[in-house]
Amino acid sequence: MKLFFARTMVFGVLTLFLGCASGPGKSDNSSSESVKQNQGSKKSNSSSETPNWTQDMRAMEKELTELLPLALDAKKFNDEALNDKIKESLHRLKTKAQKVNHNPMTEIEDPSLRFISYDFKEQADLIESSFLEGKKDFARYNLIHISSYCIECHTRNSVGPSFGSEKINDQLKDKSLFDQAEYLTAVRQFDQALAKYKEFLSKEKSNSVDYARLEQSLQSVLSITVKYKKNPSETLKVLDLIKNESNLPFYLKKAIVYWEKDLQAWSHEKTRETTFKSVKSRLEQFQKRKFEQGALSGEILLLRSLSELHDLVRRDQKGDQKAELLYLLGWSYSENSNRLFLSLDEKYFETCVRQFPKSKWAQKCYQKLEEITYSSYSGSGGVFIPVDVKAKLDQLKKEAGL
């Protein structure tokens, strides 16, 4: 069950860095707002804009390169002597994030880029405001967490350049292999990131294995080699480093067996263009596998499908097929075991309802969105849905024709 705390962008694996943290959450209106921005972006961008997407992204990378090493060191991040430096860098990061969010590049056919860039902008704003209010631990926690947006965006599919020529920043050399690998993944230095993940996995062979980071490392590797590189042989080589480890939990050993089978079958496939039919067939195979062996066992099938769904939605699909693609993207993200913090599933479902009102796909999308929302706000004391969230659900229900 996806917890309410996930909506505040403070989720899961990064508690390993900082333990418990508390602070203000992100408004649930962000999902609706980013969807509306996606629908109206072509009207709002003036023809006089001359944006440089690569330059903007490089500028954000520069700020993250300065900030992340400091965020990984609690003493430095809270050092009053560095206060002005951090404050200025956070402001530049927020400003660049706003610029990227309004860049026409986010108008591409696949709406996920706008979803992610909008949430990144919101998070950068939250980090700066928290730091200025003196909530430095909360700002630091979320600053570390912000790289997850970069990783999800950069590994959606095989489209886009890799910034693999740069050497790792000197400030990161004293950080853990896991932290270095996460940073390199965030800035698209995928070959260097894989090298760090391999080194990390090779050294995680002791009685004190950190299983949470071990699993997260494996899933990050799969995002790179399966979703982005689409390279089954390279994935198999990484799995060879860890699959025979005696201390590996049974559930991971079992999952790796299925991953290897799927990767080997993939490597023997004849090269062919992605089709709607082939992706749907693979998702059906994933659903059957999940029912019989658990969701993690079908990770390769799901990640391949996600990458190919992004490819398909970029081909300017129309009508009923586009609506179904949005539904399948939402469903696939809801099934992804490595969800980090993103609510892409909800945003795809909402986009489906708004773009194809009163259709059968709008109704299917609304049903899934309602399930996710009720689950998100449920706990031992019952279900407590905020008034604004319930109002949005009621509005979408009407748009779906229910």
Protein backbone atom coordinates (compact mmCIF):
# COMPACT_ATOMS: atom_id res chain seq x y z
CA MET A 1 0.00 0.00 0.00
CA LYS A 2 1.38 3.40 -0.93
CA LEU A 3 1.53 5.43 2.25
CA PHE A 4 0.39 9.00 2.66
CA PHE A 5 3.94 9.99 3.60
CA ALA A 6 5.06 9.08 0.08
CA ARG A 7 3.03 12.04 -1.16
CA THR A 8 5.24 14.42 0.85
CA MET A 9 8.27 13.37 -1.22
CA VAL A 10 10.04 11.81 1.73
CA PHE A 11 10.06 8.15 0.94
CA GLY A 12 11.69 4.79 1.48
CA VAL A 13 15.26 4.05 0.84
CA LEU A 14 16.73 7.46 1.60
CA THR A 15 15.91 7.05 5.29
CA LEU A 16 19.15 5.08 5.24
CA PHE A 17 21.00 8.38 4.89
CA LEU A 18 19.26 10.39 7.55
CA GLY A 19 16.96 8.28 9.70
CA CYS A 20 13.65 9.92 10.56
CA ALA A 21 12.77 13.41 9.36
CA SER A 22 9.69 15.53 9.55
CA GLY A 23 8.43 18.63 7.86
CA PRO A 24 5.82 20.09 5.54
CA GLY A 25 4.51 18.02 2.68
CA LYS A 26 3.83 18.91 -0.94
CA SER A 27 0.29 19.91 -1.80
CA ASP A 28 -1.80 17.28 -3.52
CA ASN A 29 -2.86 19.99 -5.96
CA SER A 30 0.50 19.55 -7.71
CA SER A 31 -0.69 16.50 -9.62
CA SER A 32 -3.72 18.32 -10.97
CA GLU A 33 -1.70 21.45 -11.71
CA SER A 34 1.01 19.60 -13.62
CA VAL A 35 -1.63 17.80 -15.68
CA LYS A 36 -3.32 21.10 -16.47
CA GLN A 37 0.02 22.62 -17.41
CA ASN A 38 0.64 19.70 -19.72
CA GLN A 39 -2.68 20.22 -21.46
CA GLY A 40 -2.28 23.97 -21.82
CA SER A 41 1.46 24.30 -22.35
CA LYS A 42 1.31 24.84 -26.11
CA LYS A 43 -0.94 27.84 -25.60
CA SER A 44 1.06 29.37 -22.77
CA ASN A 45 4.51 29.31 -24.34
CA SER A 46 5.19 32.37 -26.46
CA SER A 47 6.77 32.08 -29.89
CA SER A 48 9.49 34.51 -28.81
CA GLU A 49 11.07 31.97 -26.44
CA THR A 50 14.50 30.71 -27.45
CA PRO A 51 15.25 28.15 -24.75
CA ASN A 52 18.41 26.09 -24.60
CA TRP A 53 17.37 22.80 -23.03
CA THR A 54 20.88 21.36 -22.76
CA GLN A 55 22.23 24.58 -21.24
CA ASP A 56 19.46 24.67 -18.64
CA MET A 57 20.02 21.03 -17.72
CA ARG A 58 23.77 21.60 -17.43
CA ALA A 59 23.11 24.53 -15.12
CA MET A 60 20.94 22.37 -12.85
CA GLU A 61 23.59 19.64 -12.92
CA LYS A 62 26.20 22.20 -11.78
CA GLU A 63 24.07 23.24 -8.81
CA LEU A 64 23.37 19.64 -7.81
CA THR A 65 27.08 18.86 -8.09
CA GLU A 66 27.73 21.62 -5.56
CA LEU A 67 24.81 20.81 -3.26
CA LEU A 68 24.59 17.02 -3.06
CA PRO A 69 28.05 16.45 -1.51
CA LEU A 70 27.14 19.01 1.17
CA ALA A 71 23.73 17.39 1.72
CA LEU A 72 25.41 14.04 2.27
CA ASP A 73 27.45 15.58 5.10
CA ALA A 74 25.15 16.75 7.92
CA LYS A 75 27.91 18.71 9.66
CA LYS A 76 28.80 20.73 6.56
CA PHE A 77 25.17 21.35 5.62
CA ASN A 78 24.50 22.85 9.06
CA ASP A 79 27.77 24.82 9.17
CA GLU A 80 26.93 28.52 9.58
CA ALA A 81 30.05 29.42 7.61
CA LEU A 82 28.53 27.72 4.55
CA ASN A 83 25.03 29.08 5.10
CA ASP A 84 25.20 31.85 2.47
CA LYS A 85 26.83 29.58 -0.10
CA ILE A 86 24.13 26.91 0.30
CA LYS A 87 21.33 29.49 0.32
CA GLU A 88 22.55 31.04 -2.95
CA SER A 89 22.99 27.66 -4.61
CA LEU A 90 19.51 26.53 -3.56
CA HIS A 91 18.05 29.70 -5.02
CA ARG A 92 19.86 29.14 -8.32
CA LEU A 93 18.63 25.52 -8.39
CA LYS A 94 15.04 26.66 -7.86
CA THR A 95 15.35 29.33 -10.57
CA LYS A 96 16.80 26.85 -13.07
CA ALA A 97 14.12 24.28 -12.19
CA GLN A 98 11.41 26.87 -12.93
CA LYS A 99 13.02 27.64 -16.27
CA VAL A 100 13.25 23.97 -17.25
CA ASN A 101 9.64 23.40 -16.22
CA HIS A 102 8.48 26.11 -18.65
CA ASN A 103 10.79 24.98 -21.44
CA PRO A 104 8.90 23.88 -24.61
CA MET A 105 10.87 20.62 -24.51
CA THR A 106 8.32 19.54 -21.90
CA GLU A 107 5.63 19.68 -24.58
CA ILE A 108 6.81 16.44 -26.18
CA GLU A 109 4.10 13.88 -26.79
CA ASP A 110 4.94 11.82 -23.70
CA PRO A 111 3.59 13.96 -20.81
CA SER A 112 5.84 12.36 -18.16
CA LEU A 113 8.59 14.91 -18.79
CA ARG A 114 6.25 17.73 -17.77
CA PHE A 115 4.99 15.77 -14.77
CA ILE A 116 8.52 15.16 -13.49
CA SER A 117 9.84 18.65 -14.27
CA TYR A 118 6.86 20.21 -12.47
CA ASP A 119 7.39 18.08 -9.36
CA PHE A 120 11.15 18.79 -9.45
CA LYS A 121 10.37 22.51 -9.53
CA GLU A 122 7.96 22.17 -6.58
CA GLN A 123 10.52 20.18 -4.62
CA ALA A 124 13.31 22.70 -5.30
CA ASP A 125 11.02 25.44 -4.01
CA LEU A 126 10.18 23.40 -0.88
CA ILE A 127 13.88 22.77 -0.18
CA GLU A 128 14.80 26.46 -0.44
CA SER A 129 11.89 27.65 1.70
CA SER A 130 12.62 24.98 4.35
CA PHE A 131 16.29 26.00 4.49
CA LEU A 132 15.40 29.69 4.83
CA GLU A 133 12.98 28.83 7.67
CA GLY A 134 15.81 27.09 9.51
CA LYS A 135 14.50 23.56 8.87
CA LYS A 136 17.88 22.45 7.59
CA ASP A 137 17.57 18.74 8.33
CA PHE A 138 14.30 18.58 6.41
CA ALA A 139 15.83 20.58 3.54
CA ARG A 140 18.87 18.29 3.50
CA TYR A 141 16.74 15.14 3.48
CA ASN A 142 14.70 16.36 0.53
CA LEU A 143 17.77 17.63 -1.32
CA ILE A 144 19.25 14.12 -1.26
CA HIS A 145 15.88 12.80 -2.34
CA ILE A 146 15.57 15.19 -5.30
CA SER A 147 18.04 13.17 -7.38
CA SER A 148 15.35 10.48 -7.67
CA TYR A 149 13.46 12.77 -10.05
CA CYS A 150 16.53 12.96 -12.27
CA ILE A 151 16.98 9.19 -12.24
CA GLU A 152 13.35 8.44 -13.15
CA CYS A 153 13.32 11.05 -15.92
CA HIS A 154 16.67 10.04 -17.38
CA THR A 155 15.95 6.31 -17.49
CA ARG A 156 12.39 6.38 -18.87
CA ASN A 157 13.62 5.09 -22.22
CA SER A 158 16.65 5.16 -24.53
CA VAL A 159 15.97 8.70 -25.80
CA GLY A 160 18.41 11.48 -24.92
CA PRO A 161 22.14 11.97 -24.58
CA SER A 162 24.32 10.61 -21.80
CA PHE A 163 26.60 13.07 -20.03
CA GLY A 164 29.21 10.39 -19.57
CA SER A 165 32.36 12.29 -20.41
CA GLU A 166 32.76 14.15 -17.12
CA LYS A 167 34.86 12.80 -14.30
CA ILE A 168 33.23 12.40 -10.93
CA ASN A 169 33.44 15.55 -8.87
CA ASP A 170 36.28 15.57 -6.35
CA GLN A 171 33.81 16.41 -3.58
CA LEU A 172 32.10 13.03 -4.03
CA LYS A 173 35.21 10.86 -3.86
CA ASP A 174 35.00 10.48 -0.09
CA LYS A 175 31.34 9.41 -0.25
CA SER A 176 30.13 5.82 -0.26
CA LEU A 177 30.03 3.81 -3.49
CA PHE A 178 26.23 3.73 -3.24
CA ASP A 179 26.00 7.53 -2.95
CA GLN A 180 28.42 8.02 -5.84
CA ALA A 181 26.46 5.61 -8.03
CA GLU A 182 23.15 7.34 -7.26
CA TYR A 183 24.63 10.74 -8.09
CA LEU A 184 26.16 9.52 -11.36
CA THR A 185 22.83 8.00 -12.37
CA ALA A 186 21.04 11.26 -11.64
CA VAL A 187 23.35 13.23 -13.97
CA ARG A 188 23.20 10.59 -16.75
CA GLN A 189 26.77 9.34 -16.37
CA PHE A 190 25.44 5.83 -16.81
CA ASP A 191 28.65 3.97 -17.65
CA GLN A 192 30.40 5.41 -14.60
CA ALA A 193 27.31 4.73 -12.47
CA LEU A 194 27.27 1.08 -13.55
CA ALA A 195 30.94 0.75 -12.66
CA LYS A 196 30.20 2.09 -9.17
CA TYR A 197 27.17 -0.17 -8.74
CA LYS A 198 29.25 -3.18 -9.80
CA GLU A 199 31.95 -2.25 -7.31
CA PHE A 200 29.34 -1.78 -4.60
CA LEU A 201 27.65 -5.12 -5.34
CA SER A 202 30.99 -6.93 -5.40
CA LYS A 203 31.83 -5.60 -1.93
CA GLU A 204 28.43 -6.37 -0.41
CA LYS A 205 29.52 -9.94 0.28
CA SER A 206 29.77 -10.13 4.02
CA ASN A 207 27.61 -10.95 7.02
CA SER A 208 26.72 -7.25 7.36
CA VAL A 209 25.05 -6.81 3.99
CA ASP A 210 22.80 -3.76 3.77
CA TYR A 211 19.87 -5.47 2.04
CA ALA A 212 17.87 -2.29 1.48
CA ARG A 213 20.72 -0.68 -0.44
CA LEU A 214 21.52 -3.95 -2.14
CA GLU A 215 18.00 -4.24 -3.55
CA GLN A 216 17.91 -0.53 -4.45
CA SER A 217 21.24 -0.90 -6.27
CA LEU A 218 19.94 -3.85 -8.28
CA GLN A 219 16.78 -1.95 -9.22
CA SER A 220 18.79 1.11 -10.22
CA VAL A 221 20.99 -1.09 -12.41
CA LEU A 222 17.88 -2.51 -14.07
CA SER A 223 16.59 1.01 -14.73
CA ILE A 224 19.82 1.78 -16.57
CA THR A 225 20.45 -1.46 -18.44
CA VAL A 226 16.85 -2.48 -19.17
CA LYS A 227 14.83 0.76 -19.46
CA TYR A 228 17.53 3.03 -20.85
CA LYS A 229 20.17 0.86 -22.53
CA LYS A 230 17.86 -2.02 -23.46
CA ASN A 231 20.83 -4.34 -23.05
CA PRO A 232 20.06 -7.82 -21.66
CA SER A 233 23.66 -9.09 -21.86
CA GLU A 234 25.00 -6.20 -19.77
CA THR A 235 22.28 -6.81 -17.19
CA LEU A 236 23.20 -10.49 -16.96
CA LYS A 237 26.84 -9.58 -16.26
CA VAL A 238 25.81 -7.47 -13.29
CA LEU A 239 23.58 -10.22 -11.90
CA ASP A 240 26.53 -12.63 -12.12
CA LEU A 241 28.27 -10.53 -9.46
CA ILE A 242 25.63 -11.18 -6.84
CA LYS A 243 23.42 -14.16 -7.72
CA ASN A 244 25.56 -16.77 -5.90
CA GLU A 245 26.02 -14.72 -2.74
CA SER A 246 25.16 -16.99 0.19
CA ASN A 247 23.74 -14.15 2.28
CA LEU A 248 21.32 -13.02 -0.40
CA PRO A 249 17.70 -13.14 0.85
CA PHE A 250 15.58 -15.93 -0.63
CA TYR A 251 13.12 -13.50 -2.23
CA LEU A 252 15.94 -11.80 -4.15
CA LYS A 253 17.53 -15.11 -5.19
CA LYS A 254 14.15 -16.24 -6.50
CA ALA A 255 13.60 -12.97 -8.37
CA ILE A 256 17.06 -13.12 -9.97
CA VAL A 257 16.30 -16.59 -11.34
CA TYR A 258 13.32 -15.18 -13.23
CA TRP A 259 15.24 -12.07 -14.27
CA GLU A 260 17.91 -14.25 -15.85
CA LYS A 261 15.32 -16.32 -17.72
CA ASP A 262 13.63 -13.20 -19.09
CA LEU A 263 16.95 -11.60 -20.02
CA GLN A 264 18.16 -14.71 -21.81
CA ALA A 265 14.90 -14.96 -23.73
CA TRP A 266 15.19 -11.27 -24.63
CA SER A 267 18.75 -11.69 -25.88
CA HIS A 268 17.56 -14.38 -28.33
CA GLU A 269 14.67 -12.34 -29.71
CA LYS A 270 14.92 -11.20 -33.29
CA THR A 271 15.21 -7.43 -33.59
CA ARG A 272 11.80 -5.98 -34.27
CA GLU A 273 9.94 -2.73 -33.90
CA THR A 274 7.94 -2.22 -30.74
CA THR A 275 4.23 -2.71 -31.33
CA PHE A 276 1.17 -2.10 -29.20
CA LYS A 277 0.35 -5.80 -29.38
CA SER A 278 3.81 -6.95 -28.21
CA VAL A 279 3.80 -4.62 -25.20
CA LYS A 280 0.30 -5.66 -24.12
CA SER A 281 1.31 -9.32 -24.44
CA ARG A 282 4.33 -8.75 -22.19
CA LEU A 283 2.23 -6.93 -19.60
CA GLU A 284 -0.18 -9.86 -19.55
CA GLN A 285 2.81 -12.14 -18.97
CA PHE A 286 3.94 -9.89 -16.12
CA GLN A 287 0.48 -9.99 -14.52
CA LYS A 288 0.44 -13.79 -14.65
CA ARG A 289 3.96 -13.97 -13.21
CA LYS A 290 3.06 -11.56 -10.42
CA PHE A 291 0.05 -13.70 -9.45
CA GLU A 292 2.11 -16.89 -9.40
CA GLN A 293 5.54 -15.74 -8.16
CA GLY A 294 5.27 -12.17 -6.85
CA ALA A 295 5.71 -8.77 -8.50
CA LEU A 296 9.51 -8.59 -8.16
CA SER A 297 9.94 -11.71 -10.30
CA GLY A 298 8.44 -9.88 -13.28
CA GLU A 299 10.61 -6.76 -12.96
CA ILE A 300 12.36 -7.27 -16.33
CA LEU A 301 9.05 -7.72 -18.13
CA LEU A 302 7.61 -4.60 -16.53
CA LEU A 303 10.64 -2.37 -17.10
CA ARG A 304 10.85 -3.41 -20.76
CA SER A 305 7.18 -2.61 -21.15
CA LEU A 306 7.50 0.79 -19.48
CA SER A 307 10.35 1.78 -21.78
CA GLU A 308 8.42 0.65 -24.85
CA LEU A 309 5.20 2.34 -23.72
CA HIS A 310 7.12 5.62 -23.53
CA ASP A 311 8.40 4.95 -27.05
CA LEU A 312 4.87 4.31 -28.29
CA VAL A 313 3.28 7.34 -26.67
CA ARG A 314 5.89 9.56 -28.33
CA ARG A 315 4.72 8.37 -31.77
CA ASP A 316 1.74 10.71 -31.67
CA GLN A 317 -0.87 8.03 -31.02
CA LYS A 318 -4.46 9.20 -31.37
CA GLY A 319 -7.94 8.44 -30.09
CA ASP A 320 -8.76 5.18 -28.39
CA GLN A 321 -5.23 3.84 -28.68
CA LYS A 322 -3.73 6.95 -27.03
CA ALA A 323 -6.25 6.64 -24.19
CA GLU A 324 -5.33 3.00 -23.68
CA LEU A 325 -1.63 3.88 -23.71
CA LEU A 326 -2.17 6.42 -20.94
CA TYR A 327 -4.06 3.79 -18.95
CA LEU A 328 -1.29 1.21 -19.47
CA LEU A 329 1.40 3.69 -18.44
CA GLY A 330 -0.52 4.53 -15.28
CA TRP A 331 -1.14 0.87 -14.53
CA SER A 332 2.49 -0.08 -15.17
CA TYR A 333 3.83 2.64 -12.87
CA SER A 334 1.39 1.56 -10.17
CA GLU A 335 2.80 -1.98 -10.44
CA ASN A 336 6.47 -0.94 -10.40
CA SER A 337 8.15 -2.19 -7.23
CA ASN A 338 10.86 0.48 -7.46
CA ARG A 339 8.46 3.40 -7.15
CA LEU A 340 10.80 5.79 -5.33
CA PHE A 341 8.35 8.61 -4.56
CA LEU A 342 6.84 9.48 -7.91
CA SER A 343 3.09 9.56 -8.44
CA LEU A 344 3.29 9.13 -12.20
CA ASP A 345 0.58 6.48 -12.07
CA GLU A 346 -1.93 8.98 -10.68
CA LYS A 347 -0.93 11.62 -13.20
CA TYR A 348 -1.31 9.34 -16.19
CA PHE A 349 -4.73 8.23 -14.95
CA GLU A 350 -5.79 11.84 -14.42
CA THR A 351 -4.51 12.85 -17.87
CA CYS A 352 -6.46 9.98 -19.41
CA VAL A 353 -9.70 11.15 -17.75
CA ARG A 354 -9.20 14.78 -18.75
CA GLN A 355 -8.16 14.10 -22.35
CA PHE A 356 -10.78 11.41 -23.05
CA PRO A 357 -13.81 12.29 -20.89
CA LYS A 358 -16.78 9.95 -20.70
CA SER A 359 -14.90 7.20 -22.56
CA LYS A 360 -14.45 3.61 -21.38
CA TRP A 361 -10.75 4.34 -20.78
CA ALA A 362 -11.56 7.43 -18.74
CA GLN A 363 -13.75 5.26 -16.52
CA LYS A 364 -11.05 2.58 -16.15
CA CYS A 365 -8.47 5.27 -15.34
CA TYR A 366 -10.73 6.93 -12.79
CA GLN A 367 -11.38 3.58 -11.10
CA LYS A 368 -7.63 2.96 -10.67
CA LEU A 369 -7.03 6.53 -9.52
CA GLU A 370 -9.77 6.24 -6.92
CA GLU A 371 -8.32 2.96 -5.63
CA ILE A 372 -4.85 4.51 -5.30
CA THR A 373 -6.18 7.61 -3.56
CA TYR A 374 -8.24 5.71 -1.00
CA SER A 375 -5.29 3.40 -0.32
CA SER A 376 -2.96 6.39 0.10
CA TYR A 377 -5.09 7.93 2.83
CA SER A 378 -6.00 4.75 4.70
CA GLY A 379 -4.50 3.50 7.92
CA SER A 380 -5.31 1.70 11.14
CA GLY A 381 -7.71 4.50 12.12
CA GLY A 382 -9.68 4.36 8.87
CA VAL A 383 -9.73 6.39 5.67
CA PHE A 384 -9.28 10.18 5.92
CA ILE A 385 -9.22 11.96 2.56
CA PRO A 386 -8.53 15.73 2.59
CA VAL A 387 -11.39 17.91 1.39
CA ASP A 388 -9.49 19.23 -1.65
CA VAL A 389 -8.46 15.74 -2.73
CA LYS A 390 -12.03 14.47 -2.41
CA ALA A 391 -13.27 17.48 -4.42
CA LYS A 392 -10.83 16.70 -7.20
CA LEU A 393 -11.91 13.06 -7.24
CA ASP A 394 -15.57 14.09 -7.49
CA GLN A 395 -14.75 16.37 -10.41
CA LEU A 396 -12.80 13.64 -12.24
CA LYS A 397 -15.60 11.17 -11.59
CA LYS A 398 -18.02 13.46 -13.41
CA GLU A 399 -15.56 13.98 -16.27
CA ALA A 400 -15.24 10.21 -16.59
CA GLY A 401 -19.03 9.97 -16.94
CA LEU A 402 -19.63 8.02 -13.76
